[in-house]
């Protein structure tokens, strides 16, 4: 049985269109048709049937596809392992990541990994934790870097870093004179934080509602998708106050997980909140244990586990 014919079969099964499949395989349509006809003749079964202008797998084709797909994955993985032994490991890794780790942690990790395996290529997709977890379940990403719901059985999470909670204020705000604040210092402010469609937003809701349950003059706004957007709102609000003749922005305070790129907002200051645990937000490397991984993905997972996984002690420093 011809190995290339099996690869052609898989591509046609996935595209369900001879024109698209032949284009992606860089062969002629007659050449592809001939390969499929030869395969069907050897098996003594029809693998495809017409569906309008396209085609689809027959019931025999569907079953055969599962066997061939797994076989191709195992074969490709074996080739990748041999390439690694020969110093030629290559591949492509799709990563879904939250905003906060994309300016420092993730570039550092990828550069370090590619110093050892220069033929590995990465595609980074930005998203919120909930969307990344769904993408991992659907196979859209090989690996995710985000917060983690440990009740998801198919997914395994390795803690890699923690983020402290900080107050984000304009430098004209009275709190900007402090080097540390407590949640009590925020009483009476408009507290801006993450939307409740995110796990971290729900974490903040539990924290803040407990603290300000009886505070009628403290307004908490849960509607911001990430730290960048919230910082932009605070900067804009500061300009609005100045335009109206005010000289200080006293009522709006951001409450976020600290991110290195906050330093780029020169008009804002981040202040650690000392009465919130330093590991309030833990970021994990997450992958689907039940999905097939290429060897390059497995090597990257082992690299992160070896070099960056936090111990319980690390998480509670």
Protein backbone atom coordinates (compact mmCIF):
# COMPACT_ATOMS: atom_id res chain seq x y z
CA UNK A 1 0.00 0.00 0.00
CA UNK A 2 1.44 3.37 -1.07
CA UNK A 3 2.20 5.72 1.85
CA UNK A 4 1.63 8.84 -0.24
CA UNK A 5 -1.77 7.53 -1.30
CA UNK A 6 -2.71 7.26 2.38
CA UNK A 7 -1.65 10.87 2.96
CA UNK A 8 -3.69 11.94 -0.07
CA UNK A 9 -6.67 10.04 1.34
CA UNK A 10 -6.41 11.88 4.68
CA UNK A 11 -6.22 15.29 3.00
CA UNK A 12 -9.23 14.54 0.79
CA UNK A 13 -11.18 13.24 3.79
CA UNK A 14 -10.49 16.50 5.64
CA UNK A 15 -11.30 18.88 2.76
CA UNK A 16 -14.08 16.87 1.08
CA UNK A 17 -13.15 18.60 -2.16
CA UNK A 18 -10.82 17.38 -4.93
CA UNK A 19 -9.88 20.90 -6.07
CA UNK A 20 -8.91 22.08 -2.59
CA UNK A 21 -7.14 18.83 -1.69
CA UNK A 22 -5.10 18.68 -4.90
CA UNK A 23 -4.11 22.34 -4.48
CA UNK A 24 -2.92 21.79 -0.89
CA UNK A 25 -1.10 18.61 -1.89
CA UNK A 26 0.50 20.30 -4.95
CA UNK A 27 -0.64 17.56 -7.33
CA UNK A 28 -3.08 17.51 -10.24
CA UNK A 29 -6.72 16.54 -9.77
CA UNK A 30 -6.35 13.56 -12.15
CA UNK A 31 -3.32 12.44 -10.14
CA UNK A 32 -5.32 12.64 -6.89
CA UNK A 33 -8.31 10.85 -8.44
CA UNK A 34 -6.04 8.11 -9.70
CA UNK A 35 -4.44 7.65 -6.27
CA UNK A 36 -7.83 7.35 -4.55
CA UNK A 37 -9.12 4.95 -7.22
CA UNK A 38 -6.02 2.77 -6.76
CA UNK A 39 -6.54 2.75 -2.98
CA UNK A 40 -10.23 1.82 -3.32
CA UNK A 41 -9.36 -0.95 -5.79
CA UNK A 42 -6.77 -2.38 -3.40
CA UNK A 43 -9.26 -2.35 -0.48
CA UNK A 44 -12.21 -3.52 -2.57
CA UNK A 45 -14.42 -0.76 -1.06
CA UNK A 46 -15.68 2.70 -1.95
CA UNK A 47 -14.16 5.25 0.41
CA UNK A 48 -15.95 8.36 -0.92
CA UNK A 49 -19.36 9.22 -2.33
CA UNK A 50 -20.61 12.34 -4.07
CA UNK A 51 -22.46 15.05 -2.13
CA UNK A 52 -23.52 17.82 -4.49
CA UNK A 53 -20.36 19.39 -5.87
CA UNK A 54 -18.30 17.93 -3.06
CA UNK A 55 -17.68 14.44 -1.72
CA UNK A 56 -17.89 12.78 1.67
CA UNK A 57 -16.59 9.63 3.29
CA UNK A 58 -18.66 6.48 3.11
CA UNK A 59 -19.19 4.56 6.34
CA UNK A 60 -16.19 2.41 5.39
CA UNK A 61 -14.18 5.53 4.57
CA UNK A 62 -14.94 7.04 7.97
CA UNK A 63 -13.69 3.98 9.80
CA UNK A 64 -10.62 3.67 7.58
CA UNK A 65 -9.82 7.37 8.11
CA UNK A 66 -9.57 6.91 11.88
CA UNK A 67 -7.03 4.10 11.43
CA UNK A 68 -5.00 5.96 8.82
CA UNK A 69 -5.03 9.23 10.76
CA UNK A 70 -3.69 7.56 13.91
CA UNK A 71 -1.09 5.68 11.91
CA UNK A 72 0.14 8.88 10.22
CA UNK A 73 0.35 10.63 13.58
CA UNK A 74 2.41 7.81 15.08
CA UNK A 75 4.67 7.70 12.03
CA UNK A 76 5.19 11.49 12.01
CA UNK A 77 5.94 11.40 15.72
CA UNK A 78 8.52 8.70 15.18
CA UNK A 79 10.19 10.78 12.48
CA UNK A 80 10.18 13.80 14.84
CA UNK A 81 11.84 11.75 17.59
CA UNK A 82 14.59 10.68 15.18
CA UNK A 83 15.02 14.32 14.11
CA UNK A 84 15.44 15.31 17.74
CA UNK A 85 18.16 12.68 18.17
CA UNK A 86 19.84 14.15 15.11
CA UNK A 87 19.46 17.72 16.35
CA UNK A 88 16.87 18.57 13.68
CA UNK A 89 13.59 18.63 15.64
CA UNK A 90 11.00 20.74 13.81
CA UNK A 91 7.31 21.42 14.07
CA UNK A 92 4.55 23.94 14.76
CA UNK A 93 2.98 24.73 18.14
CA UNK A 94 -0.27 26.69 18.56
CA UNK A 95 -0.53 28.51 21.89
CA UNK A 96 -3.49 30.31 23.43
CA UNK A 97 -2.40 32.85 26.07
CA UNK A 98 -3.85 35.55 28.27
CA UNK A 99 -2.60 39.11 27.80
CA UNK A 100 -0.63 39.40 31.03
CA UNK A 101 2.12 36.92 30.06
CA UNK A 102 2.63 38.02 26.46
CA UNK A 103 4.96 40.93 27.10
CA UNK A 104 7.62 39.18 29.19
CA UNK A 105 7.16 35.57 30.27
CA UNK A 106 6.07 34.01 26.97
CA UNK A 107 8.65 35.73 24.73
CA UNK A 108 11.40 34.76 27.18
CA UNK A 109 10.29 31.11 27.27
CA UNK A 110 9.95 30.80 23.51
CA UNK A 111 13.32 32.42 22.81
CA UNK A 112 14.98 30.11 25.32
CA UNK A 113 13.32 27.05 23.78
CA UNK A 114 14.15 28.09 20.23
CA UNK A 115 17.79 28.53 21.19
CA UNK A 116 17.78 24.73 21.48
CA UNK A 117 15.27 23.90 18.73
CA UNK A 118 15.43 26.63 16.11
CA UNK A 119 13.13 24.83 13.67
CA UNK A 120 10.13 24.91 16.01
CA UNK A 121 7.64 27.59 15.03
CA UNK A 122 5.01 29.10 17.30
CA UNK A 123 1.65 30.73 16.62
CA UNK A 124 0.34 32.77 19.58
CA UNK A 125 -3.38 33.50 19.96
CA UNK A 126 -4.56 36.01 22.56
CA UNK A 127 -7.69 35.28 24.56
CA UNK A 128 -9.38 35.11 27.92
CA UNK A 129 -8.96 32.02 30.10
CA UNK A 130 -12.44 30.66 29.41
CA UNK A 131 -11.99 30.84 25.64
CA UNK A 132 -8.53 29.28 25.82
CA UNK A 133 -9.83 26.34 27.84
CA UNK A 134 -12.62 25.77 25.31
CA UNK A 135 -10.06 26.00 22.50
CA UNK A 136 -7.95 23.31 24.16
CA UNK A 137 -10.99 21.04 24.42
CA UNK A 138 -11.77 21.56 20.72
CA UNK A 139 -8.18 21.07 19.60
CA UNK A 140 -7.70 24.66 18.42
CA UNK A 141 -4.59 25.04 20.59
CA UNK A 142 -1.84 22.63 21.54
CA UNK A 143 -1.08 24.45 24.79
CA UNK A 144 -2.73 27.20 26.81
CA UNK A 145 -1.31 29.67 29.32
CA UNK A 146 -4.11 31.00 31.52
CA UNK A 147 -5.96 30.48 34.79
CA UNK A 148 -7.41 27.03 35.26
CA UNK A 149 -10.58 25.31 36.40
CA UNK A 150 -9.17 22.11 37.87
CA UNK A 151 -12.54 20.35 37.55
CA UNK A 152 -12.00 19.85 33.80
CA UNK A 153 -10.98 16.18 33.65
CA UNK A 154 -9.42 16.17 30.16
CA UNK A 155 -7.10 19.08 30.88
CA UNK A 156 -3.91 19.01 32.90
CA UNK A 157 -2.56 22.23 34.39
CA UNK A 158 0.98 22.95 35.56
CA UNK A 159 1.31 26.14 37.67
CA UNK A 160 4.08 28.32 36.23
CA UNK A 161 3.76 31.75 37.83
CA UNK A 162 1.71 33.80 40.27
CA UNK A 163 0.65 37.42 40.03
CA UNK A 164 0.10 39.81 42.90
CA UNK A 165 -2.89 42.11 43.06
CA UNK A 166 -2.16 45.81 42.60
CA UNK A 167 -4.14 49.02 42.68
CA UNK A 168 -3.74 50.97 39.46
CA UNK A 169 -4.12 54.74 39.92
CA UNK A 170 -3.26 57.92 38.03
CA UNK A 171 -0.16 59.58 39.45
CA UNK A 172 -2.36 62.55 40.39
CA UNK A 173 -4.42 60.34 42.71
CA UNK A 174 -3.83 60.75 46.49
CA UNK A 175 -3.07 57.00 46.78
CA UNK A 176 -0.14 57.43 44.39
CA UNK A 177 1.86 58.78 47.34
CA UNK A 178 1.74 55.32 48.96
CA UNK A 179 4.06 52.37 48.28
CA UNK A 180 1.56 49.86 49.72
CA UNK A 181 -2.21 49.98 50.11
CA UNK A 182 -4.88 47.82 51.72
CA UNK A 183 -8.34 47.12 50.39
CA UNK A 184 -9.65 49.44 53.10
CA UNK A 185 -7.73 52.30 51.43
CA UNK A 186 -9.98 51.84 48.37
CA UNK A 187 -13.20 52.38 50.32
CA UNK A 188 -15.33 55.13 48.80
CA UNK A 189 -13.73 54.77 45.36
CA UNK A 190 -15.06 53.52 42.08
CA UNK A 191 -13.17 50.24 41.75
CA UNK A 192 -12.66 49.11 38.16
CA UNK A 193 -11.82 45.45 37.61
CA UNK A 194 -12.32 42.43 35.33
CA UNK A 195 -15.65 41.41 33.80
CA UNK A 196 -17.63 38.61 35.41
CA UNK A 197 -17.38 36.54 32.22
CA UNK A 198 -13.85 35.69 33.36
CA UNK A 199 -12.70 33.46 36.18
CA UNK A 200 -10.52 36.23 37.62
CA UNK A 201 -13.49 38.60 37.60
CA UNK A 202 -15.43 36.11 39.71
CA UNK A 203 -12.43 35.81 42.05
CA UNK A 204 -12.39 39.57 42.55
CA UNK A 205 -16.15 39.62 43.06
CA UNK A 206 -15.88 37.15 45.95
CA UNK A 207 -13.00 39.12 47.45
CA UNK A 208 -14.55 42.58 47.13
CA UNK A 209 -18.12 41.75 48.07
CA UNK A 210 -16.87 40.24 51.30
CA UNK A 211 -14.76 43.32 52.03
CA UNK A 212 -17.24 46.03 51.01
CA UNK A 213 -20.51 44.32 51.84
CA UNK A 214 -21.62 47.20 54.05
CA UNK A 215 -19.96 50.06 52.17
CA UNK A 216 -22.66 52.04 50.34
CA UNK A 217 -20.22 54.59 48.90
CA UNK A 218 -17.90 52.05 47.23
CA UNK A 219 -18.94 51.23 43.66
CA UNK A 220 -17.40 48.20 41.97
CA UNK A 221 -17.52 47.96 38.18
CA UNK A 222 -16.90 44.49 36.73
CA UNK A 223 -16.66 45.06 32.98
CA UNK A 224 -13.06 45.19 31.74
CA UNK A 225 -11.61 42.44 29.51
CA UNK A 226 -7.95 42.90 30.46
CA UNK A 227 -5.39 45.15 32.14
CA UNK A 228 -4.54 47.06 28.96
CA UNK A 229 -8.11 48.16 28.36
CA UNK A 230 -8.60 49.13 32.00
CA UNK A 231 -5.38 51.17 32.02
CA UNK A 232 -6.55 52.99 28.91
CA UNK A 233 -9.87 53.82 30.59
CA UNK A 234 -8.05 55.26 33.62
CA UNK A 235 -5.80 57.39 31.42
CA UNK A 236 -8.81 58.67 29.48
CA UNK A 237 -10.72 59.37 32.69
CA UNK A 238 -7.80 61.39 34.01
CA UNK A 239 -7.83 63.54 30.87
CA UNK A 240 -11.61 64.05 31.19
CA UNK A 241 -11.20 65.29 34.77
CA UNK A 242 -8.50 67.75 33.71
CA UNK A 243 -10.63 69.00 30.80
CA UNK A 244 -13.44 69.76 33.22
CA UNK A 245 -11.12 71.89 35.34
CA UNK A 246 -10.14 69.32 37.94
CA UNK A 247 -6.55 68.70 38.94
CA UNK A 248 -6.89 65.24 40.48
CA UNK A 249 -8.60 61.98 39.57
CA UNK A 250 -9.69 60.82 43.02
CA UNK A 251 -12.58 58.45 42.54
CA UNK A 252 -11.48 55.79 40.00
CA UNK A 253 -9.07 53.00 40.99
CA UNK A 254 -8.17 49.92 38.99
CA UNK A 255 -7.74 46.59 40.75
CA UNK A 256 -5.82 44.09 38.64
CA UNK A 257 -3.30 41.27 38.60
CA UNK A 258 0.06 42.94 38.06
CA UNK A 259 1.54 42.76 34.57
CA UNK A 260 5.00 43.98 33.48
CA UNK A 261 3.66 46.16 30.67
CA UNK A 262 1.83 48.40 33.15
CA UNK A 263 5.12 50.30 33.39
CA UNK A 264 4.52 51.61 29.86
CA UNK A 265 1.63 53.74 31.15
CA UNK A 266 3.76 56.59 32.48
CA UNK A 267 0.75 58.46 33.86
CA UNK A 268 -0.29 55.54 36.07
CA UNK A 269 1.19 53.87 39.14
CA UNK A 270 0.79 50.28 40.34
CA UNK A 271 0.68 49.82 44.11
CA UNK A 272 0.77 46.35 45.74
CA UNK A 273 -2.29 45.51 47.85
CA UNK A 274 -0.75 44.03 50.96
CA UNK A 275 -3.79 42.28 52.44
CA UNK A 276 -4.43 40.11 49.33
CA UNK A 277 -2.41 36.86 48.96
CA UNK A 278 0.52 37.21 46.57
CA UNK A 279 -0.62 34.10 44.67
CA UNK A 280 -4.18 35.41 44.23
CA UNK A 281 -3.86 34.69 40.52
CA UNK A 282 -1.95 31.61 39.38
CA UNK A 283 -1.19 31.14 35.68
CA UNK A 284 -0.92 27.57 34.39
CA UNK A 285 0.43 25.83 31.35
CA UNK A 286 -2.50 23.66 30.28
CA UNK A 287 -2.86 20.91 27.71
CA UNK A 288 -5.44 18.27 26.79
CA UNK A 289 -4.21 14.90 28.00
CA UNK A 290 -6.65 13.05 25.73
CA UNK A 291 -5.57 14.80 22.52
CA UNK A 292 -2.79 13.61 20.26
CA UNK A 293 0.33 15.76 20.53
CA UNK A 294 3.15 15.96 18.05
CA UNK A 295 6.59 15.23 19.43
CA UNK A 296 7.55 18.90 19.27
CA UNK A 297 4.57 19.77 21.52
CA UNK A 298 5.56 17.04 23.98
CA UNK A 299 9.14 18.32 24.07
CA UNK A 300 7.93 21.87 24.78
CA UNK A 301 5.62 20.63 27.55
CA UNK A 302 8.50 18.76 29.20
CA UNK A 303 10.68 21.87 28.89
CA UNK A 304 8.13 24.05 30.71
CA UNK A 305 7.56 21.41 33.40
CA UNK A 306 11.30 21.10 33.97
CA UNK A 307 12.26 24.78 33.91
CA UNK A 308 9.21 26.77 35.04
CA UNK A 309 6.77 24.64 37.04
CA UNK A 310 6.10 26.09 40.50
CA UNK A 311 6.26 23.95 43.62
CA UNK A 312 3.68 24.46 46.37
CA UNK A 313 6.39 26.36 48.29
CA UNK A 314 7.03 28.66 45.32
CA UNK A 315 3.36 29.50 45.05
CA UNK A 316 3.11 30.60 48.66
CA UNK A 317 6.24 32.72 49.05
